[in-house]
Amino acid sequence: MIIGGYVLVTVLTLFAPEEIVGVAYDSGGVTTSTITLP
């Protein structure tokens, strides 16, 4: 289940504007306390 989430996030990252990708990953890391991916 969690791998499916990572795949979904990776695919959506390809379509997101570059300016918000870093902010989105950092926001996700704050709320879930996970390691932020580049």
PDB file of N, CA and C in Angstrom:
ATOM      1  N   MET A   1       0.825  -1.196   0.000  1.00  0.00           N
ATOM      2  CA  MET A   1       0.000   0.000   0.000  1.00  0.00           C
ATOM      3  C   MET A   1       0.871   1.263   0.000  1.00  0.00           C
ATOM      4  N   ILE A   2       1.886   1.260   0.843  1.00  0.00           N
ATOM      5  CA  ILE A   2       2.733   2.456   0.916  1.00  0.00           C
ATOM      6  C   ILE A   2       3.553   2.637  -0.364  1.00  0.00           C
ATOM      7  N   ILE A   3       3.933   1.533  -0.988  1.00  0.00           N
ATOM      8  CA  ILE A   3       4.690   1.640  -2.243  1.00  0.00           C
ATOM      9  C   ILE A   3       3.816   2.258  -3.329  1.00  0.00           C
ATOM     10  N   GLY A   4       2.536   1.922  -3.330  1.00  0.00           N
ATOM     11  CA  GLY A   4       1.609   2.540  -4.280  1.00  0.00           C
ATOM     12  C   GLY A   4       1.537   4.047  -4.094  1.00  0.00           C
ATOM     13  N   GLY A   5       1.581   4.497  -2.852  1.00  0.00           N
ATOM     14  CA  GLY A   5       1.582   5.936  -2.565  1.00  0.00           C
ATOM     15  C   GLY A   5       2.828   6.617  -3.098  1.00  0.00           C
ATOM     16  N   TYR A   6       3.977   5.968  -2.910  1.00  0.00           N
ATOM     17  CA  TYR A   6       5.220   6.533  -3.428  1.00  0.00           C
ATOM     18  C   TYR A   6       5.203   6.609  -4.952  1.00  0.00           C
ATOM     19  N   VAL A   7       4.669   5.587  -5.587  1.00  0.00           N
ATOM     20  CA  VAL A   7       4.578   5.589  -7.051  1.00  0.00           C
ATOM     21  C   VAL A   7       3.666   6.718  -7.517  1.00  0.00           C
ATOM     22  N   LEU A   8       2.531   6.881  -6.851  1.00  0.00           N
ATOM     23  CA  LEU A   8       1.600   7.951  -7.212  1.00  0.00           C
ATOM     24  C   LEU A   8       2.246   9.324  -7.063  1.00  0.00           C
ATOM     25  N   VAL A   9       2.939   9.544  -5.959  1.00  0.00           N
ATOM     26  CA  VAL A   9       3.600  10.832  -5.734  1.00  0.00           C
ATOM     27  C   VAL A   9       4.671  11.082  -6.790  1.00  0.00           C
ATOM     28  N   THR A  10       5.420  10.055  -7.129  1.00  0.00           N
ATOM     29  CA  THR A  10       6.468  10.208  -8.137  1.00  0.00           C
ATOM     30  C   THR A  10       5.879  10.570  -9.494  1.00  0.00           C
ATOM     31  N   VAL A  11       4.793   9.937  -9.868  1.00  0.00           N
ATOM     32  CA  VAL A  11       4.149  10.241 -11.152  1.00  0.00           C
ATOM     33  C   VAL A  11       3.575  11.653 -11.140  1.00  0.00           C
ATOM     34  N   LEU A  12       2.921  12.033 -10.053  1.00  0.00           N
ATOM     35  CA  LEU A  12       2.351  13.378  -9.981  1.00  0.00           C
ATOM     36  C   LEU A  12       3.432  14.453  -9.988  1.00  0.00           C
ATOM     37  N   THR A  13       4.608  14.135  -9.450  1.00  0.00           N
ATOM     38  CA  THR A  13       5.716  15.088  -9.454  1.00  0.00           C
ATOM     39  C   THR A  13       6.125  15.454 -10.877  1.00  0.00           C
ATOM     40  N   LEU A  14       6.014  14.516 -11.790  1.00  0.00           N
ATOM     41  CA  LEU A  14       6.384  14.791 -13.177  1.00  0.00           C
ATOM     42  C   LEU A  14       5.484  15.843 -13.815  1.00  0.00           C
ATOM     43  N   PHE A  15       4.251  15.973 -13.336  1.00  0.00           N
ATOM     44  CA  PHE A  15       3.293  16.908 -13.928  1.00  0.00           C
ATOM     45  C   PHE A  15       3.163  18.213 -13.143  1.00  0.00           C
ATOM     46  N   ALA A  16       3.749  18.287 -11.965  1.00  0.00           N
ATOM     47  CA  ALA A  16       3.632  19.481 -11.121  1.00  0.00           C
ATOM     48  C   ALA A  16       4.653  20.532 -11.556  1.00  0.00           C
ATOM     49  N   PRO A  17       4.317  21.811 -11.363  1.00  0.00           N
ATOM     50  CA  PRO A  17       5.291  22.867 -11.660  1.00  0.00           C
ATOM     51  C   PRO A  17       6.520  22.723 -10.761  1.00  0.00           C
ATOM     52  N   GLU A  18       7.683  22.968 -11.316  1.00  0.00           N
ATOM     53  CA  GLU A  18       8.937  22.779 -10.582  1.00  0.00           C
ATOM     54  C   GLU A  18       9.012  23.644  -9.322  1.00  0.00           C
ATOM     55  N   GLU A  19       8.364  24.807  -9.348  1.00  0.00           N
ATOM     56  CA  GLU A  19       8.429  25.726  -8.216  1.00  0.00           C
ATOM     57  C   GLU A  19       7.764  25.173  -6.957  1.00  0.00           C
ATOM     58  N   ILE A  20       6.778  24.289  -7.114  1.00  0.00           N
ATOM     59  CA  ILE A  20       6.056  23.818  -5.933  1.00  0.00           C
ATOM     60  C   ILE A  20       6.454  22.418  -5.482  1.00  0.00           C
ATOM     61  N   VAL A  21       7.296  21.744  -6.244  1.00  0.00           N
ATOM     62  CA  VAL A  21       7.656  20.367  -5.894  1.00  0.00           C
ATOM     63  C   VAL A  21       8.393  20.322  -4.560  1.00  0.00           C
ATOM     64  N   GLY A  22       9.389  21.174  -4.385  1.00  0.00           N
ATOM     65  CA  GLY A  22      10.142  21.196  -3.131  1.00  0.00           C
ATOM     66  C   GLY A  22       9.274  21.540  -1.940  1.00  0.00           C
ATOM     67  N   VAL A  23       8.403  22.517  -2.107  1.00  0.00           N
ATOM     68  CA  VAL A  23       7.497  22.914  -1.029  1.00  0.00           C
ATOM     69  C   VAL A  23       6.551  21.772  -0.685  1.00  0.00           C
ATOM     70  N   ALA A  24       6.069  21.075  -1.692  1.00  0.00           N
ATOM     71  CA  ALA A  24       5.147  19.969  -1.455  1.00  0.00           C
ATOM     72  C   ALA A  24       5.820  18.839  -0.685  1.00  0.00           C
ATOM     73  N   TYR A  25       7.038  18.480  -1.057  1.00  0.00           N
ATOM     74  CA  TYR A  25       7.754  17.418  -0.337  1.00  0.00           C
ATOM     75  C   TYR A  25       8.061  17.842   1.095  1.00  0.00           C
ATOM     76  N   ASP A  26       8.478  19.098   1.286  1.00  0.00           N
ATOM     77  CA  ASP A  26       8.769  19.575   2.639  1.00  0.00           C
ATOM     78  C   ASP A  26       7.514  19.599   3.491  1.00  0.00           C
ATOM     79  N   SER A  27       6.393  20.009   2.932  1.00  0.00           N
ATOM     80  CA  SER A  27       5.132  20.025   3.682  1.00  0.00           C
ATOM     81  C   SER A  27       4.710  18.616   4.069  1.00  0.00           C
ATOM     82  N   GLY A  28       4.888  17.673   3.181  1.00  0.00           N
ATOM     83  CA  GLY A  28       4.559  16.285   3.491  1.00  0.00           C
ATOM     84  C   GLY A  28       5.447  15.726   4.580  1.00  0.00           C
ATOM     85  N   GLY A  29       6.715  16.112   4.591  1.00  0.00           N
ATOM     86  CA  GLY A  29       7.634  15.647   5.617  1.00  0.00           C
ATOM     87  C   GLY A  29       7.307  16.200   6.984  1.00  0.00           C
ATOM     88  N   VAL A  30       6.824  17.427   7.036  1.00  0.00           N
ATOM     89  CA  VAL A  30       6.460  18.043   8.317  1.00  0.00           C
ATOM     90  C   VAL A  30       5.261  17.338   8.920  1.00  0.00           C
ATOM     91  N   THR A  31       4.290  17.007   8.108  1.00  0.00           N
ATOM     92  CA  THR A  31       3.066  16.409   8.646  1.00  0.00           C
ATOM     93  C   THR A  31       3.217  14.938   8.973  1.00  0.00           C
ATOM     94  N   THR A  32       4.128  14.242   8.291  1.00  0.00           N
ATOM     95  CA  THR A  32       4.257  12.803   8.522  1.00  0.00           C
ATOM     96  C   THR A  32       5.559  12.407   9.198  1.00  0.00           C
ATOM     97  N   SER A  33       6.477  13.354   9.370  1.00  0.00           N
ATOM     98  CA  SER A  33       7.782  13.111  10.003  1.00  0.00           C
ATOM     99  C   SER A  33       8.605  12.068   9.254  1.00  0.00           C
ATOM    100  N   THR A  34       8.514  12.072   7.934  1.00  0.00           N
ATOM    101  CA  THR A  34       9.306  11.145   7.129  1.00  0.00           C
ATOM    102  C   THR A  34      10.495  11.874   6.532  1.00  0.00           C
ATOM    103  N   ILE A  35      11.415  11.117   5.974  1.00  0.00           N
ATOM    104  CA  ILE A  35      12.577  11.704   5.316  1.00  0.00           C
ATOM    105  C   ILE A  35      12.126  12.317   3.995  1.00  0.00           C
ATOM    106  N   THR A  36      12.530  13.560   3.748  1.00  0.00           N
ATOM    107  CA  THR A  36      12.139  14.257   2.530  1.00  0.00           C
ATOM    108  C   THR A  36      12.994  13.787   1.359  1.00  0.00           C
ATOM    109  N   LEU A  37      12.351  13.482   0.242  1.00  0.00           N
ATOM    110  CA  LEU A  37      13.052  13.069  -0.969  1.00  0.00           C
ATOM    111  C   LEU A  37      13.377  14.284  -1.813  1.00  0.00           C
ATOM    112  N   PRO A  38      14.491  14.243  -2.545  1.00  0.00           N
ATOM    113  CA  PRO A  38      14.822  15.393  -3.399  1.00  0.00           C
ATOM    114  C   PRO A  38      13.903  15.504  -4.597  1.00  0.00           C
TER     115      PRO A  38
END
